[in-house]
Every structure is written in C-alpha cells, then in structure tokens.
Amino acid sequence: MVATLTSKGQITLPKAIRDRLGMEAGDRLDFRVGNDGELHGKLVKGGILRLAGIARPDDGRPRTLAEMDQAIALEAAETRG
C-alpha cells in the first residue's frame, strides 16, 4: 500500500492497515528506522487512555498512591518500549 505525504507532513494510514492492527482513536504508532533504512512501527494502544479507571479498581475502593505510581510506571515503561 502507498500513502502520500501532505504539505503539512502528515500521512493517512490506509484503512486496511488500521483495521488489520485493530487501531482505535487514541492509539499511536511508534516509528523506528532500522540500520537497513527500513521503516518499522509498533502499535501503542490508547496512550494515556489506558490509565482510565486507575482511581477506582473494580471492587470500588480507592486505589493507594503506590498502586497509582505502579500503574503510571508500567505505562511509561511500555511507551518507551
């Protein structure tokens, strides 16, 4: 598939690729250029939206500060890849 770069430096990811990856609004792609000059990408699901519900777990009790810190640290580690 071919995508065209606009004058604003934007590319629309073809729908077939978005569907194949199961992408949704808020998802991100982390791009890397390999030593071979090939473009590689990694899907990052939801970004900050993955933290939704961090304030209250399923049992309804408030999360502890330690639990919130742990969830944020895990998200940061996954984002850095």
PDB file of N, CA and C in Angstrom:
ATOM      1  N   MET A   1       0.836  -1.175   0.000  1.00  0.00           N
ATOM      2  CA  MET A   1       0.000   0.000   0.000  1.00  0.00           C
ATOM      3  C   MET A   1       0.884   1.243   0.000  1.00  0.00           C
ATOM      4  N   VAL A   2       0.364   2.284  -0.591  1.00  0.00           N
ATOM      5  CA  VAL A   2       1.096   3.534  -0.683  1.00  0.00           C
ATOM      6  C   VAL A   2       0.299   4.627   0.011  1.00  0.00           C
ATOM      7  N   ALA A   3       0.980   5.458   0.783  1.00  0.00           N
ATOM      8  CA  ALA A   3       0.370   6.630   1.411  1.00  0.00           C
ATOM      9  C   ALA A   3       1.178   7.843   0.954  1.00  0.00           C
ATOM     10  N   THR A   4       0.506   8.966   0.784  1.00  0.00           N
ATOM     11  CA  THR A   4       1.150  10.178   0.292  1.00  0.00           C
ATOM     12  C   THR A   4       1.358  11.174   1.422  1.00  0.00           C
ATOM     13  N   LEU A   5       2.532  11.764   1.475  1.00  0.00           N
ATOM     14  CA  LEU A   5       2.861  12.782   2.460  1.00  0.00           C
ATOM     15  C   LEU A   5       2.256  14.111   2.018  1.00  0.00           C
ATOM     16  N   THR A   6       1.515  14.757   2.907  1.00  0.00           N
ATOM     17  CA  THR A   6       0.911  16.050   2.580  1.00  0.00           C
ATOM     18  C   THR A   6       1.925  17.173   2.790  1.00  0.00           C
ATOM     19  N   SER A   7       1.568  18.372   2.356  1.00  0.00           N
ATOM     20  CA  SER A   7       2.449  19.525   2.544  1.00  0.00           C
ATOM     21  C   SER A   7       2.628  19.860   4.019  1.00  0.00           C
ATOM     22  N   LYS A   8       1.740  19.378   4.875  1.00  0.00           N
ATOM     23  CA  LYS A   8       1.845  19.594   6.322  1.00  0.00           C
ATOM     24  C   LYS A   8       2.647  18.487   7.011  1.00  0.00           C
ATOM     25  N   GLY A   9       3.189  17.556   6.223  1.00  0.00           N
ATOM     26  CA  GLY A   9       3.989  16.472   6.792  1.00  0.00           C
ATOM     27  C   GLY A   9       3.162  15.356   7.382  1.00  0.00           C
ATOM     28  N   GLN A  10       1.917  15.206   6.951  1.00  0.00           N
ATOM     29  CA  GLN A  10       1.030  14.187   7.504  1.00  0.00           C
ATOM     30  C   GLN A  10       0.786  13.076   6.491  1.00  0.00           C
ATOM     31  N   ILE A  11       0.562  11.892   7.004  1.00  0.00           N
ATOM     32  CA  ILE A  11       0.222  10.730   6.181  1.00  0.00           C
ATOM     33  C   ILE A  11      -1.022  10.096   6.785  1.00  0.00           C
ATOM     34  N   THR A  12      -1.959   9.731   5.928  1.00  0.00           N
ATOM     35  CA  THR A  12      -3.124   8.986   6.385  1.00  0.00           C
ATOM     36  C   THR A  12      -2.805   7.509   6.272  1.00  0.00           C
ATOM     37  N   LEU A  13      -2.907   6.803   7.377  1.00  0.00           N
ATOM     38  CA  LEU A  13      -2.674   5.365   7.380  1.00  0.00           C
ATOM     39  C   LEU A  13      -3.867   4.695   6.709  1.00  0.00           C
ATOM     40  N   PRO A  14      -3.634   3.899   5.676  1.00  0.00           N
ATOM     41  CA  PRO A  14      -4.753   3.273   4.965  1.00  0.00           C
ATOM     42  C   PRO A  14      -5.658   2.471   5.913  1.00  0.00           C
ATOM     43  N   LYS A  15      -6.949   2.510   5.627  1.00  0.00           N
ATOM     44  CA  LYS A  15      -7.952   1.844   6.464  1.00  0.00           C
ATOM     45  C   LYS A  15      -7.661   0.353   6.620  1.00  0.00           C
ATOM     46  N   ALA A  16      -7.219  -0.286   5.556  1.00  0.00           N
ATOM     47  CA  ALA A  16      -6.927  -1.721   5.637  1.00  0.00           C
ATOM     48  C   ALA A  16      -5.858  -2.013   6.692  1.00  0.00           C
ATOM     49  N   ILE A  17      -4.871  -1.141   6.805  1.00  0.00           N
ATOM     50  CA  ILE A  17      -3.821  -1.322   7.814  1.00  0.00           C
ATOM     51  C   ILE A  17      -4.379  -1.045   9.202  1.00  0.00           C
ATOM     52  N   ARG A  18      -5.154   0.051   9.351  1.00  0.00           N
ATOM     53  CA  ARG A  18      -5.765   0.356  10.653  1.00  0.00           C
ATOM     54  C   ARG A  18      -6.637  -0.800  11.118  1.00  0.00           C
ATOM     55  N   ASP A  19      -7.418  -1.365  10.200  1.00  0.00           N
ATOM     56  CA  ASP A  19      -8.292  -2.493  10.550  1.00  0.00           C
ATOM     57  C   ASP A  19      -7.473  -3.721  10.938  1.00  0.00           C
ATOM     58  N   ARG A  20      -6.425  -4.010  10.181  1.00  0.00           N
ATOM     59  CA  ARG A  20      -5.600  -5.188  10.456  1.00  0.00           C
ATOM     60  C   ARG A  20      -4.942  -5.099  11.827  1.00  0.00           C
ATOM     61  N   LEU A  21      -4.536  -3.881  12.205  1.00  0.00           N
ATOM     62  CA  LEU A  21      -3.900  -3.678  13.512  1.00  0.00           C
ATOM     63  C   LEU A  21      -4.914  -3.519  14.638  1.00  0.00           C
ATOM     64  N   GLY A  22      -6.195  -3.379  14.288  1.00  0.00           N
ATOM     65  CA  GLY A  22      -7.220  -3.174  15.316  1.00  0.00           C
ATOM     66  C   GLY A  22      -7.104  -1.808  15.961  1.00  0.00           C
ATOM     67  N   MET A  23      -6.690  -0.817  15.183  1.00  0.00           N
ATOM     68  CA  MET A  23      -6.465   0.524  15.733  1.00  0.00           C
ATOM     69  C   MET A  23      -7.773   1.228  16.032  1.00  0.00           C
ATOM     70  N   GLU A  24      -7.739   2.033  17.086  1.00  0.00           N
ATOM     71  CA  GLU A  24      -8.883   2.842  17.507  1.00  0.00           C
ATOM     72  C   GLU A  24      -8.391   4.256  17.767  1.00  0.00           C
ATOM     73  N   ALA A  25      -9.325   5.187  17.867  1.00  0.00           N
ATOM     74  CA  ALA A  25      -8.973   6.572  18.186  1.00  0.00           C
ATOM     75  C   ALA A  25      -8.151   6.601  19.470  1.00  0.00           C
ATOM     76  N   GLY A  26      -7.081   7.365  19.473  1.00  0.00           N
ATOM     77  CA  GLY A  26      -6.203   7.467  20.646  1.00  0.00           C
ATOM     78  C   GLY A  26      -5.000   6.552  20.584  1.00  0.00           C
ATOM     79  N   ASP A  27      -5.035   5.533  19.707  1.00  0.00           N
ATOM     80  CA  ASP A  27      -3.876   4.666  19.549  1.00  0.00           C
ATOM     81  C   ASP A  27      -2.763   5.441  18.852  1.00  0.00           C
ATOM     82  N   ARG A  28      -1.535   5.015  19.068  1.00  0.00           N
ATOM     83  CA  ARG A  28      -0.389   5.678  18.461  1.00  0.00           C
ATOM     84  C   ARG A  28       0.507   4.643  17.794  1.00  0.00           C
ATOM     85  N   LEU A  29       1.333   5.101  16.868  1.00  0.00           N
ATOM     86  CA  LEU A  29       2.348   4.258  16.257  1.00  0.00           C
ATOM     87  C   LEU A  29       3.714   4.815  16.626  1.00  0.00           C
ATOM     88  N   ASP A  30       4.589   3.943  17.079  1.00  0.00           N
ATOM     89  CA  ASP A  30       5.952   4.315  17.425  1.00  0.00           C
ATOM     90  C   ASP A  30       6.831   3.860  16.259  1.00  0.00           C
ATOM     91  N   PHE A  31       7.410   4.817  15.520  1.00  0.00           N
ATOM     92  CA  PHE A  31       8.210   4.503  14.335  1.00  0.00           C
ATOM     93  C   PHE A  31       9.691   4.480  14.646  1.00  0.00           C
ATOM     94  N   ARG A  32      10.397   3.580  13.976  1.00  0.00           N
ATOM     95  CA  ARG A  32      11.851   3.487  14.042  1.00  0.00           C
ATOM     96  C   ARG A  32      12.358   3.224  12.624  1.00  0.00           C
ATOM     97  N   VAL A  33      13.512   3.784  12.301  1.00  0.00           N
ATOM     98  CA  VAL A  33      14.164   3.486  11.030  1.00  0.00           C
ATOM     99  C   VAL A  33      15.356   2.598  11.351  1.00  0.00           C
ATOM    100  N   GLY A  34      15.348   1.393  10.791  1.00  0.00           N
ATOM    101  CA  GLY A  34      16.422   0.446  11.038  1.00  0.00           C
ATOM    102  C   GLY A  34      17.691   0.832  10.311  1.00  0.00           C
ATOM    103  N   ASN A  35      18.793   0.184  10.671  1.00  0.00           N
ATOM    104  CA  ASN A  35      20.076   0.426  10.012  1.00  0.00           C
ATOM    105  C   ASN A  35      20.014   0.119   8.526  1.00  0.00           C
ATOM    106  N   ASP A  36      19.068  -0.735   8.153  1.00  0.00           N
ATOM    107  CA  ASP A  36      18.898  -1.102   6.748  1.00  0.00           C
ATOM    108  C   ASP A  36      18.059  -0.072   5.984  1.00  0.00           C
ATOM    109  N   GLY A  37      17.631   1.009   6.674  1.00  0.00           N
ATOM    110  CA  GLY A  37      16.821   2.045   6.042  1.00  0.00           C
ATOM    111  C   GLY A  37      15.338   1.713   5.996  1.00  0.00           C
ATOM    112  N   GLU A  38      14.956   0.553   6.525  1.00  0.00           N
ATOM    113  CA  GLU A  38      13.549   0.149   6.525  1.00  0.00           C
ATOM    114  C   GLU A  38      12.827   0.783   7.701  1.00  0.00           C
ATOM    115  N   LEU A  39      11.573   1.129   7.463  1.00  0.00           N
ATOM    116  CA  LEU A  39      10.729   1.725   8.491  1.00  0.00           C
ATOM    117  C   LEU A  39      10.026   0.616   9.263  1.00  0.00           C
ATOM    118  N   HIS A  40      10.102   0.705  10.584  1.00  0.00           N
ATOM    119  CA  HIS A  40       9.454  -0.268  11.457  1.00  0.00           C
ATOM    120  C   HIS A  40       8.518   0.499  12.379  1.00  0.00           C
ATOM    121  N   GLY A  41       7.369  -0.071  12.662  1.00  0.00           N
ATOM    122  CA  GLY A  41       6.420   0.593  13.545  1.00  0.00           C
ATOM    123  C   GLY A  41       5.870  -0.358  14.585  1.00  0.00           C
ATOM    124  N   LYS A  42       5.508   0.207  15.721  1.00  0.00           N
ATOM    125  CA  LYS A  42       4.920  -0.579  16.810  1.00  0.00           C
ATOM    126  C   LYS A  42       3.658   0.136  17.272  1.00  0.00           C
ATOM    127  N   LEU A  43       2.578  -0.602  17.372  1.00  0.00           N
ATOM    128  CA  LEU A  43       1.318  -0.046  17.834  1.00  0.00           C
ATOM    129  C   LEU A  43       1.377   0.166  19.339  1.00  0.00           C
ATOM    130  N   VAL A  44       0.978   1.353  19.769  1.00  0.00           N
ATOM    131  CA  VAL A  44       0.896   1.685  21.193  1.00  0.00           C
ATOM    132  C   VAL A  44      -0.576   1.952  21.473  1.00  0.00           C
ATOM    133  N   LYS A  45      -1.234   1.018  22.137  1.00  0.00           N
ATOM    134  CA  LYS A  45      -2.678   1.108  22.347  1.00  0.00           C
ATOM    135  C   LYS A  45      -3.053   2.178  23.351  1.00  0.00           C
ATOM    136  N   GLY A  46      -3.871   3.101  22.913  1.00  0.00           N
ATOM    137  CA  GLY A  46      -4.581   4.027  23.772  1.00  0.00           C
ATOM    138  C   GLY A  46      -3.816   5.090  24.520  1.00  0.00           C
ATOM    139  N   GLY A  47      -2.523   4.992  24.638  1.00  0.00           N
ATOM    140  CA  GLY A  47      -1.783   6.011  25.359  1.00  0.00           C
ATOM    141  C   GLY A  47      -2.336   6.250  26.745  1.00  0.00           C
ATOM    142  N   ILE A  48      -2.531   7.502  27.064  1.00  0.00           N
ATOM    143  CA  ILE A  48      -2.990   7.891  28.397  1.00  0.00           C
ATOM    144  C   ILE A  48      -4.371   7.316  28.722  1.00  0.00           C
ATOM    145  N   LEU A  49      -5.153   7.019  27.677  1.00  0.00           N
ATOM    146  CA  LEU A  49      -6.481   6.460  27.913  1.00  0.00           C
ATOM    147  C   LEU A  49      -6.414   5.098  28.590  1.00  0.00           C
ATOM    148  N   ARG A  50      -5.259   4.422  28.491  1.00  0.00           N
ATOM    149  CA  ARG A  50      -5.116   3.127  29.160  1.00  0.00           C
ATOM    150  C   ARG A  50      -5.160   3.278  30.669  1.00  0.00           C
ATOM    151  N   LEU A  51      -4.948   4.501  31.164  1.00  0.00           N
ATOM    152  CA  LEU A  51      -4.971   4.724  32.607  1.00  0.00           C
ATOM    153  C   LEU A  51      -6.383   4.951  33.138  1.00  0.00           C
ATOM    154  N   ALA A  52      -7.373   4.947  32.238  1.00  0.00           N
ATOM    155  CA  ALA A  52      -8.756   5.145  32.669  1.00  0.00           C
ATOM    156  C   ALA A  52      -9.098   4.119  33.743  1.00  0.00           C
ATOM    157  N   GLY A  53      -9.750   4.548  34.768  1.00  0.00           N
ATOM    158  CA  GLY A  53     -10.141   3.653  35.847  1.00  0.00           C
ATOM    159  C   GLY A  53      -9.076   3.464  36.909  1.00  0.00           C
ATOM    160  N   ILE A  54      -7.962   4.151  36.778  1.00  0.00           N
ATOM    161  CA  ILE A  54      -6.881   3.983  37.746  1.00  0.00           C
ATOM    162  C   ILE A  54      -7.306   4.427  39.150  1.00  0.00           C
ATOM    163  N   ALA A  55      -8.225   5.387  39.227  1.00  0.00           N
ATOM    164  CA  ALA A  55      -8.615   5.910  40.532  1.00  0.00           C
ATOM    165  C   ALA A  55      -9.460   4.930  41.330  1.00  0.00           C
ATOM    166  N   ARG A  56     -10.207   4.079  40.653  1.00  0.00           N
ATOM    167  CA  ARG A  56     -11.037   3.099  41.360  1.00  0.00           C
ATOM    168  C   ARG A  56     -10.960   1.742  40.677  1.00  0.00           C
ATOM    169  N   PRO A  57     -10.481   0.741  41.391  1.00  0.00           N
ATOM    170  CA  PRO A  57     -10.483  -0.609  40.829  1.00  0.00           C
ATOM    171  C   PRO A  57     -11.898  -1.174  40.790  1.00  0.00           C
ATOM    172  N   ASP A  58     -12.039  -2.354  40.244  1.00  0.00           N
ATOM    173  CA  ASP A  58     -13.352  -2.980  40.086  1.00  0.00           C
ATOM    174  C   ASP A  58     -14.100  -3.180  41.397  1.00  0.00           C
ATOM    175  N   ASP A  59     -13.376  -3.322  42.508  1.00  0.00           N
ATOM    176  CA  ASP A  59     -14.052  -3.549  43.781  1.00  0.00           C
ATOM    177  C   ASP A  59     -14.574  -2.258  44.421  1.00  0.00           C
ATOM    178  N   GLY A  60     -14.333  -1.087  43.756  1.00  0.00           N
ATOM    179  CA  GLY A  60     -14.903   0.176  44.214  1.00  0.00           C
ATOM    180  C   GLY A  60     -14.076   0.940  45.232  1.00  0.00           C
ATOM    181  N   ARG A  61     -13.065   0.313  45.822  1.00  0.00           N
ATOM    182  CA  ARG A  61     -12.263   1.014  46.830  1.00  0.00           C
ATOM    183  C   ARG A  61     -11.321   1.988  46.130  1.00  0.00           C
ATOM    184  N   PRO A  62     -10.923   3.057  46.794  1.00  0.00           N
ATOM    185  CA  PRO A  62      -9.932   3.959  46.198  1.00  0.00           C
ATOM    186  C   PRO A  62      -8.577   3.256  46.079  1.00  0.00           C
ATOM    187  N   ARG A  63      -7.852   3.538  45.010  1.00  0.00           N
ATOM    188  CA  ARG A  63      -6.504   2.968  44.853  1.00  0.00           C
ATOM    189  C   ARG A  63      -5.550   3.708  45.789  1.00  0.00           C
ATOM    190  N   THR A  64      -4.534   2.980  46.214  1.00  0.00           N
ATOM    191  CA  THR A  64      -3.494   3.610  47.028  1.00  0.00           C
ATOM    192  C   THR A  64      -2.563   4.392  46.109  1.00  0.00           C
ATOM    193  N   LEU A  65      -1.817   5.309  46.679  1.00  0.00           N
ATOM    194  CA  LEU A  65      -0.845   6.067  45.914  1.00  0.00           C
ATOM    195  C   LEU A  65       0.191   5.124  45.285  1.00  0.00           C
ATOM    196  N   ALA A  66       0.582   4.097  46.011  1.00  0.00           N
ATOM    197  CA  ALA A  66       1.548   3.126  45.495  1.00  0.00           C
ATOM    198  C   ALA A  66       0.992   2.402  44.269  1.00  0.00           C
ATOM    199  N   GLU A  67      -0.298   2.040  44.298  1.00  0.00           N
ATOM    200  CA  GLU A  67      -0.918   1.375  43.146  1.00  0.00           C
ATOM    201  C   GLU A  67      -0.946   2.305  41.930  1.00  0.00           C
ATOM    202  N   MET A  68      -1.260   3.585  42.144  1.00  0.00           N
ATOM    203  CA  MET A  68      -1.282   4.542  41.038  1.00  0.00           C
ATOM    204  C   MET A  68       0.120   4.752  40.482  1.00  0.00           C
ATOM    205  N   ASP A  69       1.116   4.872  41.364  1.00  0.00           N
ATOM    206  CA  ASP A  69       2.501   5.037  40.913  1.00  0.00           C
ATOM    207  C   ASP A  69       2.946   3.839  40.076  1.00  0.00           C
ATOM    208  N   GLN A  70       2.565   2.649  40.511  1.00  0.00           N
ATOM    209  CA  GLN A  70       2.944   1.434  39.792  1.00  0.00           C
ATOM    210  C   GLN A  70       2.303   1.416  38.398  1.00  0.00           C
ATOM    211  N   ALA A  71       1.020   1.768  38.294  1.00  0.00           N
ATOM    212  CA  ALA A  71       0.333   1.786  37.002  1.00  0.00           C
ATOM    213  C   ALA A  71       0.956   2.811  36.056  1.00  0.00           C
ATOM    214  N   ILE A  72       1.302   3.970  36.580  1.00  0.00           N
ATOM    215  CA  ILE A  72       1.931   5.011  35.763  1.00  0.00           C
ATOM    216  C   ILE A  72       3.312   4.559  35.303  1.00  0.00           C
ATOM    217  N   ALA A  73       4.073   3.932  36.182  1.00  0.00           N
ATOM    218  CA  ALA A  73       5.403   3.447  35.821  1.00  0.00           C
ATOM    219  C   ALA A  73       5.321   2.374  34.740  1.00  0.00           C
ATOM    220  N   LEU A  74       4.335   1.473  34.841  1.00  0.00           N
ATOM    221  CA  LEU A  74       4.165   0.444  33.823  1.00  0.00           C
ATOM    222  C   LEU A  74       3.820   1.062  32.473  1.00  0.00           C
ATOM    223  N   GLU A  75       2.929   2.045  32.453  1.00  0.00           N
ATOM    224  CA  GLU A  75       2.559   2.728  31.211  1.00  0.00           C
ATOM    225  C   GLU A  75       3.765   3.426  30.611  1.00  0.00           C
ATOM    226  N   ALA A  76       4.550   4.092  31.434  1.00  0.00           N
ATOM    227  CA  ALA A  76       5.741   4.791  30.943  1.00  0.00           C
ATOM    228  C   ALA A  76       6.745   3.804  30.353  1.00  0.00           C
ATOM    229  N   ALA A  77       6.938   2.671  30.991  1.00  0.00           N
ATOM    230  CA  ALA A  77       7.883   1.662  30.501  1.00  0.00           C
ATOM    231  C   ALA A  77       7.413   1.091  29.174  1.00  0.00           C
ATOM    232  N   GLU A  78       6.113   0.833  29.020  1.00  0.00           N
ATOM    233  CA  GLU A  78       5.577   0.307  27.773  1.00  0.00           C
ATOM    234  C   GLU A  78       5.674   1.334  26.658  1.00  0.00           C
ATOM    235  N   THR A  79       5.479   2.593  26.984  1.00  0.00           N
ATOM    236  CA  THR A  79       5.545   3.664  25.982  1.00  0.00           C
ATOM    237  C   THR A  79       6.970   3.810  25.461  1.00  0.00           C
ATOM    238  N   ARG A  80       7.952   3.698  26.368  1.00  0.00           N
ATOM    239  CA  ARG A  80       9.356   3.805  25.949  1.00  0.00           C
ATOM    240  C   ARG A  80       9.795   2.606  25.141  1.00  0.00           C
ATOM    241  N   GLY A  81       9.079   1.469  25.333  1.00  0.00           N
ATOM    242  CA  GLY A  81       9.376   0.246  24.588  1.00  0.00           C
ATOM    243  C   GLY A  81      10.647  -0.355  24.986  1.00  0.00           C
TER     244      GLY A  81
END
